[in-house]
Amino acid sequence: LAAEALSRAASAATEPRPWRKKLVSLYRAAGRTPELIEELSAVASAQLRAEDLEGAISTSQEKAALEEESGRLDDALGTLLGLRKLCAERSFFERAARHELHRAELFLEAKLDLQAAKDALERSFSLGPTSKAAELGFKVAERQEDAKAQAEWLSRIAQLIAAPGEKAAALFKLARL
């Protein structure tokens, strides 16, 4: 009953965000995950329309986490894709890279889709090179038994390493391929 009243208030209000946030709190407290996910989507959309970019990103991150926790992996992947695109459009490349890396991890660990994981890792690395993405890319290439891709990822790992000893070890491993 309270959810219905809050939903009607949000629909009738010229500024629905406060009402929607109350609905989110209600659904969160009641453990109503499907309704919470749906409401988080509405809140994020309202935040974007109001140019509250940080709020929209935070809300969408919560939505993606809930989707992942509840086993709605395709929905989580879609939400993370939206986050990656939003962050990249706004030149938040490191954040976009993190969201794409998370997508790669889901493709690899949950969906067992090596090609999709590889593609997501390439996008993540191009948005914001990290050793985590490069190391995961190398592992995917190993699982695919793709020596050329392994060499490319090892080269990227070596470029990111500052310590001379570690860099030498990575270059040695690259030379052995």
N, C-alpha and C. Protein backbone atom coordinates (compact mmCIF):
# COMPACT_ATOMS: atom_id res chain seq x y z
N LEU A 1 0.82 -1.19 0.00
CA LEU A 1 0.00 0.00 0.00
C LEU A 1 0.87 1.26 0.00
N ALA A 2 1.92 1.24 0.84
CA ALA A 2 2.81 2.40 0.89
C ALA A 2 3.52 2.58 -0.45
N ALA A 3 3.90 1.46 -1.08
CA ALA A 3 4.58 1.53 -2.38
C ALA A 3 3.66 2.14 -3.43
N GLU A 4 2.40 1.77 -3.41
CA GLU A 4 1.44 2.34 -4.37
C GLU A 4 1.31 3.84 -4.19
N ALA A 5 1.20 4.28 -2.92
CA ALA A 5 1.05 5.70 -2.64
C ALA A 5 2.28 6.49 -3.09
N LEU A 6 3.45 5.95 -2.80
CA LEU A 6 4.69 6.62 -3.21
C LEU A 6 4.82 6.64 -4.73
N SER A 7 4.43 5.57 -5.38
CA SER A 7 4.49 5.50 -6.83
C SER A 7 3.56 6.53 -7.47
N ARG A 8 2.34 6.66 -6.92
CA ARG A 8 1.41 7.66 -7.45
C ARG A 8 1.94 9.06 -7.21
N ALA A 9 2.53 9.29 -6.05
CA ALA A 9 3.08 10.60 -5.74
C ALA A 9 4.22 10.95 -6.70
N ALA A 10 5.05 9.96 -7.00
CA ALA A 10 6.17 10.18 -7.93
C ALA A 10 5.65 10.50 -9.33
N SER A 11 4.60 9.81 -9.74
CA SER A 11 4.03 10.04 -11.07
C SER A 11 3.39 11.42 -11.19
N ALA A 12 2.81 11.90 -10.11
CA ALA A 12 2.09 13.17 -10.14
C ALA A 12 3.01 14.38 -9.88
N ALA A 13 4.14 14.14 -9.27
CA ALA A 13 5.02 15.24 -8.85
C ALA A 13 5.77 15.84 -10.04
N THR A 14 6.01 17.14 -9.97
CA THR A 14 6.84 17.79 -10.99
C THR A 14 8.30 17.41 -10.79
N GLU A 15 8.67 17.10 -9.56
CA GLU A 15 10.02 16.64 -9.23
C GLU A 15 9.86 15.27 -8.55
N PRO A 16 9.96 14.19 -9.34
CA PRO A 16 9.68 12.86 -8.79
C PRO A 16 10.84 12.21 -8.03
N ARG A 17 12.04 12.78 -8.13
CA ARG A 17 13.20 12.11 -7.53
C ARG A 17 13.08 11.85 -6.04
N PRO A 18 12.61 12.80 -5.22
CA PRO A 18 12.49 12.49 -3.79
C PRO A 18 11.52 11.33 -3.52
N TRP A 19 10.44 11.28 -4.27
CA TRP A 19 9.46 10.20 -4.09
C TRP A 19 10.05 8.87 -4.54
N ARG A 20 10.78 8.90 -5.63
CA ARG A 20 11.40 7.67 -6.13
C ARG A 20 12.47 7.16 -5.17
N LYS A 21 13.21 8.07 -4.56
CA LYS A 21 14.22 7.67 -3.58
C LYS A 21 13.56 7.03 -2.36
N LYS A 22 12.39 7.53 -1.98
CA LYS A 22 11.66 6.91 -0.86
C LYS A 22 11.19 5.51 -1.24
N LEU A 23 10.76 5.36 -2.49
CA LEU A 23 10.37 4.03 -2.98
C LEU A 23 11.56 3.07 -2.96
N VAL A 24 12.71 3.56 -3.38
CA VAL A 24 13.93 2.74 -3.35
C VAL A 24 14.21 2.28 -1.92
N SER A 25 14.12 3.20 -0.97
CA SER A 25 14.36 2.84 0.43
C SER A 25 13.36 1.80 0.93
N LEU A 26 12.11 1.98 0.54
CA LEU A 26 11.06 1.05 0.94
C LEU A 26 11.34 -0.34 0.38
N TYR A 27 11.62 -0.42 -0.91
CA TYR A 27 11.89 -1.72 -1.55
C TYR A 27 13.15 -2.36 -0.99
N ARG A 28 14.16 -1.55 -0.71
CA ARG A 28 15.41 -2.07 -0.14
C ARG A 28 15.14 -2.67 1.24
N ALA A 29 14.41 -1.94 2.07
CA ALA A 29 14.11 -2.41 3.42
C ALA A 29 13.24 -3.67 3.40
N ALA A 30 12.34 -3.77 2.43
CA ALA A 30 11.44 -4.91 2.34
C ALA A 30 12.08 -6.11 1.62
N GLY A 31 13.27 -5.91 1.06
CA GLY A 31 13.93 -6.99 0.35
C GLY A 31 13.25 -7.36 -0.96
N ARG A 32 12.60 -6.41 -1.56
CA ARG A 32 11.89 -6.64 -2.81
C ARG A 32 12.81 -6.28 -3.98
N THR A 33 13.71 -7.18 -4.28
CA THR A 33 14.76 -6.93 -5.27
C THR A 33 14.24 -6.60 -6.67
N PRO A 34 13.29 -7.35 -7.23
CA PRO A 34 12.85 -6.99 -8.59
C PRO A 34 12.28 -5.58 -8.67
N GLU A 35 11.48 -5.20 -7.68
CA GLU A 35 10.91 -3.86 -7.67
C GLU A 35 11.99 -2.81 -7.43
N LEU A 36 12.95 -3.15 -6.58
CA LEU A 36 14.06 -2.24 -6.30
C LEU A 36 14.87 -1.98 -7.57
N ILE A 37 15.16 -3.03 -8.32
CA ILE A 37 15.92 -2.87 -9.56
C ILE A 37 15.16 -1.97 -10.54
N GLU A 38 13.87 -2.21 -10.67
CA GLU A 38 13.05 -1.40 -11.57
C GLU A 38 13.03 0.07 -11.13
N GLU A 39 12.92 0.29 -9.85
CA GLU A 39 12.88 1.67 -9.34
C GLU A 39 14.22 2.35 -9.47
N LEU A 40 15.30 1.60 -9.26
CA LEU A 40 16.64 2.18 -9.44
C LEU A 40 16.84 2.65 -10.88
N SER A 41 16.29 1.90 -11.81
CA SER A 41 16.36 2.31 -13.21
C SER A 41 15.64 3.63 -13.43
N ALA A 42 14.46 3.77 -12.83
CA ALA A 42 13.70 5.02 -12.96
C ALA A 42 14.43 6.18 -12.30
N VAL A 43 15.03 5.92 -11.14
CA VAL A 43 15.78 6.97 -10.44
C VAL A 43 16.98 7.41 -11.27
N ALA A 44 17.73 6.46 -11.82
CA ALA A 44 18.90 6.80 -12.63
C ALA A 44 18.50 7.63 -13.85
N SER A 45 17.40 7.26 -14.48
CA SER A 45 16.92 8.03 -15.64
C SER A 45 16.56 9.46 -15.24
N ALA A 46 15.88 9.59 -14.10
CA ALA A 46 15.51 10.93 -13.61
C ALA A 46 16.77 11.74 -13.27
N GLN A 47 17.75 11.08 -12.69
CA GLN A 47 18.99 11.77 -12.36
C GLN A 47 19.71 12.25 -13.62
N LEU A 48 19.71 11.43 -14.64
CA LEU A 48 20.34 11.85 -15.90
C LEU A 48 19.62 13.04 -16.51
N ARG A 49 18.28 12.99 -16.50
CA ARG A 49 17.52 14.13 -17.04
C ARG A 49 17.80 15.41 -16.27
N ALA A 50 18.09 15.28 -14.97
CA ALA A 50 18.37 16.44 -14.14
C ALA A 50 19.86 16.80 -14.15
N GLU A 51 20.64 16.13 -15.01
CA GLU A 51 22.09 16.35 -15.11
C GLU A 51 22.84 16.01 -13.82
N ASP A 52 22.29 15.10 -13.02
CA ASP A 52 22.96 14.60 -11.83
C ASP A 52 23.74 13.35 -12.23
N LEU A 53 24.86 13.57 -12.89
CA LEU A 53 25.65 12.48 -13.45
C LEU A 53 26.18 11.55 -12.36
N GLU A 54 26.74 12.11 -11.30
CA GLU A 54 27.28 11.27 -10.22
C GLU A 54 26.19 10.41 -9.59
N GLY A 55 25.02 11.01 -9.38
CA GLY A 55 23.90 10.25 -8.83
C GLY A 55 23.48 9.12 -9.76
N ALA A 56 23.40 9.41 -11.05
CA ALA A 56 22.98 8.41 -12.03
C ALA A 56 23.99 7.26 -12.09
N ILE A 57 25.27 7.59 -12.03
CA ILE A 57 26.30 6.55 -12.06
C ILE A 57 26.21 5.69 -10.81
N SER A 58 26.11 6.31 -9.66
CA SER A 58 26.01 5.58 -8.40
C SER A 58 24.78 4.68 -8.37
N THR A 59 23.65 5.21 -8.79
CA THR A 59 22.40 4.44 -8.80
C THR A 59 22.51 3.27 -9.77
N SER A 60 23.09 3.50 -10.93
CA SER A 60 23.24 2.43 -11.92
C SER A 60 24.22 1.36 -11.44
N GLN A 61 25.24 1.77 -10.70
CA GLN A 61 26.17 0.79 -10.15
C GLN A 61 25.45 -0.12 -9.14
N GLU A 62 24.61 0.48 -8.31
CA GLU A 62 23.84 -0.32 -7.35
C GLU A 62 22.92 -1.28 -8.10
N LYS A 63 22.29 -0.79 -9.15
CA LYS A 63 21.39 -1.61 -9.96
C LYS A 63 22.15 -2.79 -10.56
N ALA A 64 23.32 -2.54 -11.13
CA ALA A 64 24.12 -3.61 -11.73
C ALA A 64 24.52 -4.65 -10.68
N ALA A 65 24.90 -4.19 -9.50
CA ALA A 65 25.29 -5.12 -8.43
C ALA A 65 24.11 -5.99 -8.01
N LEU A 66 22.94 -5.40 -7.89
CA LEU A 66 21.74 -6.18 -7.52
C LEU A 66 21.38 -7.18 -8.62
N GLU A 67 21.49 -6.76 -9.86
CA GLU A 67 21.20 -7.67 -10.97
C GLU A 67 22.16 -8.85 -10.95
N GLU A 68 23.43 -8.55 -10.70
CA GLU A 68 24.43 -9.61 -10.65
C GLU A 68 24.15 -10.56 -9.48
N GLU A 69 23.90 -9.99 -8.30
CA GLU A 69 23.63 -10.80 -7.11
C GLU A 69 22.39 -11.67 -7.26
N SER A 70 21.40 -11.19 -7.99
CA SER A 70 20.16 -11.94 -8.14
C SER A 70 20.18 -12.87 -9.36
N GLY A 71 21.34 -12.98 -10.00
CA GLY A 71 21.48 -13.91 -11.11
C GLY A 71 20.98 -13.40 -12.45
N ARG A 72 20.66 -12.13 -12.52
CA ARG A 72 20.20 -11.54 -13.78
C ARG A 72 21.42 -10.99 -14.53
N LEU A 73 22.26 -11.92 -14.98
CA LEU A 73 23.56 -11.54 -15.55
C LEU A 73 23.44 -10.74 -16.84
N ASP A 74 22.50 -11.11 -17.70
CA ASP A 74 22.34 -10.34 -18.94
C ASP A 74 21.93 -8.91 -18.64
N ASP A 75 21.06 -8.73 -17.64
CA ASP A 75 20.67 -7.38 -17.24
C ASP A 75 21.86 -6.62 -16.65
N ALA A 76 22.65 -7.30 -15.82
CA ALA A 76 23.84 -6.66 -15.23
C ALA A 76 24.82 -6.25 -16.33
N LEU A 77 25.02 -7.12 -17.31
CA LEU A 77 25.91 -6.79 -18.42
C LEU A 77 25.40 -5.58 -19.19
N GLY A 78 24.09 -5.51 -19.38
CA GLY A 78 23.49 -4.36 -20.08
C GLY A 78 23.65 -3.07 -19.29
N THR A 79 23.45 -3.16 -17.98
CA THR A 79 23.60 -1.96 -17.13
C THR A 79 25.05 -1.49 -17.13
N LEU A 80 25.98 -2.44 -17.03
CA LEU A 80 27.40 -2.09 -17.07
C LEU A 80 27.80 -1.50 -18.42
N LEU A 81 27.20 -2.01 -19.49
CA LEU A 81 27.45 -1.44 -20.83
C LEU A 81 26.98 0.01 -20.88
N GLY A 82 25.80 0.25 -20.34
CA GLY A 82 25.28 1.62 -20.28
C GLY A 82 26.19 2.53 -19.47
N LEU A 83 26.70 2.01 -18.35
CA LEU A 83 27.62 2.79 -17.53
C LEU A 83 28.91 3.09 -18.28
N ARG A 84 29.44 2.07 -18.97
CA ARG A 84 30.67 2.29 -19.74
C ARG A 84 30.46 3.37 -20.80
N LYS A 85 29.35 3.30 -21.51
CA LYS A 85 29.08 4.28 -22.55
C LYS A 85 28.90 5.68 -21.96
N LEU A 86 28.14 5.77 -20.87
CA LEU A 86 27.90 7.06 -20.22
C LEU A 86 29.22 7.68 -19.76
N CYS A 87 30.04 6.89 -19.09
CA CYS A 87 31.31 7.41 -18.59
C CYS A 87 32.24 7.81 -19.74
N ALA A 88 32.28 7.01 -20.79
CA ALA A 88 33.15 7.33 -21.93
C ALA A 88 32.68 8.60 -22.63
N GLU A 89 31.35 8.76 -22.77
CA GLU A 89 30.81 9.98 -23.40
C GLU A 89 31.19 11.23 -22.63
N ARG A 90 31.29 11.09 -21.31
CA ARG A 90 31.62 12.23 -20.46
C ARG A 90 33.11 12.34 -20.17
N SER A 91 33.91 11.57 -20.88
CA SER A 91 35.37 11.56 -20.76
C SER A 91 35.86 11.06 -19.40
N PHE A 92 35.09 10.21 -18.75
CA PHE A 92 35.53 9.54 -17.53
C PHE A 92 36.09 8.18 -17.94
N PHE A 93 37.22 8.20 -18.62
CA PHE A 93 37.73 7.00 -19.26
C PHE A 93 38.15 5.91 -18.27
N GLU A 94 38.74 6.30 -17.13
CA GLU A 94 39.14 5.29 -16.15
C GLU A 94 37.91 4.57 -15.60
N ARG A 95 36.86 5.33 -15.33
CA ARG A 95 35.63 4.72 -14.83
C ARG A 95 35.00 3.83 -15.90
N ALA A 96 35.01 4.30 -17.13
CA ALA A 96 34.47 3.50 -18.23
C ALA A 96 35.25 2.19 -18.34
N ALA A 97 36.57 2.28 -18.20
CA ALA A 97 37.42 1.08 -18.27
C ALA A 97 37.09 0.11 -17.15
N ARG A 98 36.84 0.61 -15.95
CA ARG A 98 36.48 -0.27 -14.82
C ARG A 98 35.17 -1.00 -15.07
N HIS A 99 34.19 -0.29 -15.63
CA HIS A 99 32.90 -0.94 -15.91
C HIS A 99 33.05 -2.00 -17.00
N GLU A 100 33.88 -1.71 -17.99
CA GLU A 100 34.10 -2.68 -19.06
C GLU A 100 34.91 -3.87 -18.55
N LEU A 101 35.83 -3.63 -17.63
CA LEU A 101 36.58 -4.72 -17.02
C LEU A 101 35.64 -5.63 -16.22
N HIS A 102 34.70 -5.03 -15.52
CA HIS A 102 33.72 -5.82 -14.78
C HIS A 102 32.89 -6.67 -15.74
N ARG A 103 32.51 -6.08 -16.88
CA ARG A 103 31.79 -6.86 -17.89
C ARG A 103 32.65 -8.05 -18.35
N ALA A 104 33.93 -7.81 -18.58
CA ALA A 104 34.83 -8.88 -19.01
C ALA A 104 34.87 -10.00 -17.97
N GLU A 105 34.94 -9.63 -16.71
CA GLU A 105 34.96 -10.63 -15.64
C GLU A 105 33.68 -11.45 -15.62
N LEU A 106 32.53 -10.79 -15.83
CA LEU A 106 31.27 -11.53 -15.88
C LEU A 106 31.21 -12.46 -17.09
N PHE A 107 31.66 -11.97 -18.24
CA PHE A 107 31.68 -12.83 -19.43
C PHE A 107 32.57 -14.05 -19.18
N LEU A 108 33.70 -13.83 -18.52
CA LEU A 108 34.66 -14.91 -18.31
C LEU A 108 34.19 -15.89 -17.24
N GLU A 109 33.80 -15.37 -16.09
CA GLU A 109 33.52 -16.23 -14.94
C GLU A 109 32.10 -16.76 -14.90
N ALA A 110 31.13 -15.96 -15.30
CA ALA A 110 29.74 -16.36 -15.15
C ALA A 110 29.14 -16.88 -16.46
N LYS A 111 29.46 -16.23 -17.56
CA LYS A 111 28.88 -16.63 -18.84
C LYS A 111 29.78 -17.63 -19.59
N LEU A 112 31.04 -17.73 -19.17
CA LEU A 112 32.01 -18.62 -19.79
C LEU A 112 32.16 -18.35 -21.29
N ASP A 113 32.13 -17.07 -21.63
CA ASP A 113 32.23 -16.64 -23.03
C ASP A 113 33.59 -15.96 -23.22
N LEU A 114 34.56 -16.76 -23.66
CA LEU A 114 35.93 -16.25 -23.80
C LEU A 114 36.04 -15.14 -24.84
N GLN A 115 35.33 -15.26 -25.94
CA GLN A 115 35.42 -14.24 -26.99
C GLN A 115 34.85 -12.90 -26.50
N ALA A 116 33.70 -12.95 -25.84
CA ALA A 116 33.11 -11.71 -25.31
C ALA A 116 34.01 -11.11 -24.24
N ALA A 117 34.63 -11.96 -23.41
CA ALA A 117 35.56 -11.48 -22.39
C ALA A 117 36.76 -10.80 -23.05
N LYS A 118 37.29 -11.44 -24.09
CA LYS A 118 38.44 -10.89 -24.81
C LYS A 118 38.10 -9.52 -25.40
N ASP A 119 36.94 -9.42 -26.04
CA ASP A 119 36.52 -8.15 -26.64
C ASP A 119 36.35 -7.06 -25.59
N ALA A 120 35.75 -7.42 -24.46
CA ALA A 120 35.55 -6.44 -23.38
C ALA A 120 36.89 -6.01 -22.79
N LEU A 121 37.82 -6.93 -22.67
CA LEU A 121 39.14 -6.58 -22.14
C LEU A 121 39.88 -5.64 -23.09
N GLU A 122 39.75 -5.86 -24.39
CA GLU A 122 40.37 -4.95 -25.37
C GLU A 122 39.80 -3.54 -25.20
N ARG A 123 38.46 -3.45 -25.07
CA ARG A 123 37.83 -2.13 -24.90
C ARG A 123 38.26 -1.50 -23.58
N SER A 124 38.28 -2.29 -22.51
CA SER A 124 38.68 -1.77 -21.21
C SER A 124 40.10 -1.21 -21.27
N PHE A 125 41.01 -1.99 -21.86
CA PHE A 125 42.41 -1.57 -21.92
C PHE A 125 42.57 -0.33 -22.78
N SER A 126 41.80 -0.22 -23.85
CA SER A 126 41.92 0.97 -24.71
C SER A 126 41.37 2.21 -24.01
N LEU A 127 40.40 2.04 -23.12
CA LEU A 127 39.84 3.18 -22.38
C LEU A 127 40.76 3.63 -21.25
N GLY A 128 41.40 2.68 -20.61
CA GLY A 128 42.27 2.99 -19.48
C GLY A 128 43.13 1.80 -19.16
N PRO A 129 44.35 1.78 -19.69
CA PRO A 129 45.23 0.62 -19.49
C PRO A 129 45.51 0.34 -18.02
N THR A 130 45.23 -0.90 -17.60
CA THR A 130 45.55 -1.33 -16.24
C THR A 130 46.23 -2.69 -16.30
N SER A 131 47.05 -2.96 -15.29
CA SER A 131 47.70 -4.27 -15.25
C SER A 131 46.67 -5.37 -15.03
N LYS A 132 45.60 -5.08 -14.30
CA LYS A 132 44.57 -6.09 -14.07
C LYS A 132 43.93 -6.53 -15.39
N ALA A 133 43.60 -5.57 -16.24
CA ALA A 133 43.01 -5.90 -17.55
C ALA A 133 44.01 -6.67 -18.40
N ALA A 134 45.26 -6.24 -18.39
CA ALA A 134 46.28 -6.91 -19.20
C ALA A 134 46.53 -8.33 -18.71
N GLU A 135 46.59 -8.52 -17.41
CA GLU A 135 46.82 -9.86 -16.86
C GLU A 135 45.64 -10.78 -17.16
N LEU A 136 44.43 -10.25 -17.05
CA LEU A 136 43.25 -11.05 -17.37
C LEU A 136 43.20 -11.35 -18.87
N GLY A 137 43.59 -10.38 -19.68
CA GLY A 137 43.67 -10.60 -21.12
C GLY A 137 44.65 -11.71 -21.46
N PHE A 138 45.78 -11.72 -20.77
CA PHE A 138 46.77 -12.78 -20.99
C PHE A 138 46.18 -14.14 -20.62
N LYS A 139 45.47 -14.20 -19.49
CA LYS A 139 44.87 -15.47 -19.06
C LYS A 139 43.83 -15.97 -20.07
N VAL A 140 43.04 -15.04 -20.61
CA VAL A 140 42.05 -15.43 -21.63
C VAL A 140 42.77 -15.96 -22.86
N ALA A 141 43.83 -15.28 -23.28
CA ALA A 141 44.60 -15.73 -24.46
C ALA A 141 45.22 -17.11 -24.21
N GLU A 142 45.67 -17.35 -22.98
CA GLU A 142 46.20 -18.67 -22.64
C GLU A 142 45.11 -19.74 -22.78
N ARG A 143 43.93 -19.44 -22.24
CA ARG A 143 42.82 -20.40 -22.31
C ARG A 143 42.40 -20.65 -23.75
N GLN A 144 42.55 -19.64 -24.60
CA GLN A 144 42.21 -19.80 -26.01
C GLN A 144 43.37 -20.40 -26.81
N GLU A 145 44.50 -20.61 -26.14
CA GLU A 145 45.72 -21.12 -26.77
C GLU A 145 46.12 -20.27 -27.98
N ASP A 146 46.06 -18.94 -27.76
CA ASP A 146 46.37 -17.97 -28.81
C ASP A 146 47.71 -17.31 -28.47
N ALA A 147 48.78 -17.84 -29.04
CA ALA A 147 50.13 -17.36 -28.73
C ALA A 147 50.32 -15.90 -29.11
N LYS A 148 49.76 -15.49 -30.24
CA LYS A 148 49.91 -14.10 -30.68
C LYS A 148 49.26 -13.15 -29.68
N ALA A 149 48.05 -13.48 -29.24
CA ALA A 149 47.36 -12.64 -28.26
C ALA A 149 48.09 -12.65 -26.92
N GLN A 150 48.64 -13.81 -26.55
CA GLN A 150 49.42 -13.88 -25.31
C GLN A 150 50.60 -12.91 -25.38
N ALA A 151 51.28 -12.89 -26.52
CA ALA A 151 52.43 -12.00 -26.71
C ALA A 151 52.00 -10.54 -26.63
N GLU A 152 50.86 -10.22 -27.25
CA GLU A 152 50.37 -8.83 -27.21
C GLU A 152 50.06 -8.40 -25.78
N TRP A 153 49.39 -9.30 -25.01
CA TRP A 153 49.05 -8.94 -23.64
C TRP A 153 50.30 -8.86 -22.76
N LEU A 154 51.28 -9.76 -22.97
CA LEU A 154 52.53 -9.68 -22.21
C LEU A 154 53.27 -8.39 -22.50
N SER A 155 53.24 -7.97 -23.74
CA SER A 155 53.88 -6.71 -24.12
C SER A 155 53.21 -5.54 -23.38
N ARG A 156 51.88 -5.59 -23.30
CA ARG A 156 51.16 -4.54 -22.58
C ARG A 156 51.48 -4.57 -21.09
N ILE A 157 51.57 -5.77 -20.54
CA ILE A 157 51.92 -5.90 -19.12
C ILE A 157 53.29 -5.29 -18.88
N ALA A 158 54.25 -5.62 -19.74
CA ALA A 158 55.62 -5.11 -19.59
C ALA A 158 55.65 -3.59 -19.65
N GLN A 159 54.84 -3.00 -20.53
CA GLN A 159 54.80 -1.55 -20.64
C GLN A 159 54.29 -0.88 -19.37
N LEU A 160 53.46 -1.58 -18.63
CA LEU A 160 52.86 -1.00 -17.41
C LEU A 160 53.73 -1.19 -16.17
N ILE A 161 54.71 -2.06 -16.26
CA ILE A 161 55.55 -2.36 -15.10
C ILE A 161 56.68 -1.34 -14.99
N ALA A 162 56.83 -0.79 -13.80
CA ALA A 162 57.89 0.20 -13.58
C ALA A 162 59.15 -0.44 -13.00
N ALA A 163 58.99 -1.45 -12.17
CA ALA A 163 60.14 -2.07 -11.50
C ALA A 163 60.98 -2.85 -12.51
N PRO A 164 62.28 -2.56 -12.58
CA PRO A 164 63.14 -3.19 -13.59
C PRO A 164 63.15 -4.72 -13.53
N GLY A 165 63.18 -5.29 -12.34
CA GLY A 165 63.21 -6.75 -12.22
C GLY A 165 61.94 -7.40 -12.74
N GLU A 166 60.81 -6.83 -12.37
CA GLU A 166 59.52 -7.37 -12.82
C GLU A 166 59.37 -7.19 -14.33
N LYS A 167 59.83 -6.04 -14.82
CA LYS A 167 59.74 -5.78 -16.26
C LYS A 167 60.59 -6.78 -17.03
N ALA A 168 61.77 -7.05 -16.52
CA ALA A 168 62.66 -8.03 -17.16
C ALA A 168 62.03 -9.41 -17.19
N ALA A 169 61.36 -9.79 -16.10
CA ALA A 169 60.72 -11.10 -16.03
C ALA A 169 59.60 -11.19 -17.07
N ALA A 170 58.83 -10.11 -17.20
CA ALA A 170 57.73 -10.10 -18.19
C ALA A 170 58.29 -10.16 -19.60
N LEU A 171 59.38 -9.43 -19.86
CA LEU A 171 59.98 -9.44 -21.21
C LEU A 171 60.60 -10.81 -21.52
N PHE A 172 61.17 -11.45 -20.49
CA PHE A 172 61.72 -12.78 -20.67
C PHE A 172 60.62 -13.78 -21.04
N LYS A 173 59.52 -13.68 -20.33
CA LYS A 173 58.37 -14.55 -20.62
C LYS A 173 57.86 -14.29 -22.04
N LEU A 174 57.86 -13.03 -22.44
CA LEU A 174 57.44 -12.66 -23.81
C LEU A 174 58.39 -13.27 -24.83
N ALA A 175 59.67 -13.21 -24.56
CA ALA A 175 60.66 -13.75 -25.49
C ALA A 175 60.53 -15.27 -25.63
N ARG A 176 60.10 -15.93 -24.57
CA ARG A 176 59.94 -17.40 -24.61
C ARG A 176 58.75 -17.81 -25.47
N LEU A 177 57.79 -16.90 -25.68
CA LEU A 177 56.65 -17.25 -26.52
C LEU A 177 57.11 -17.28 -27.95
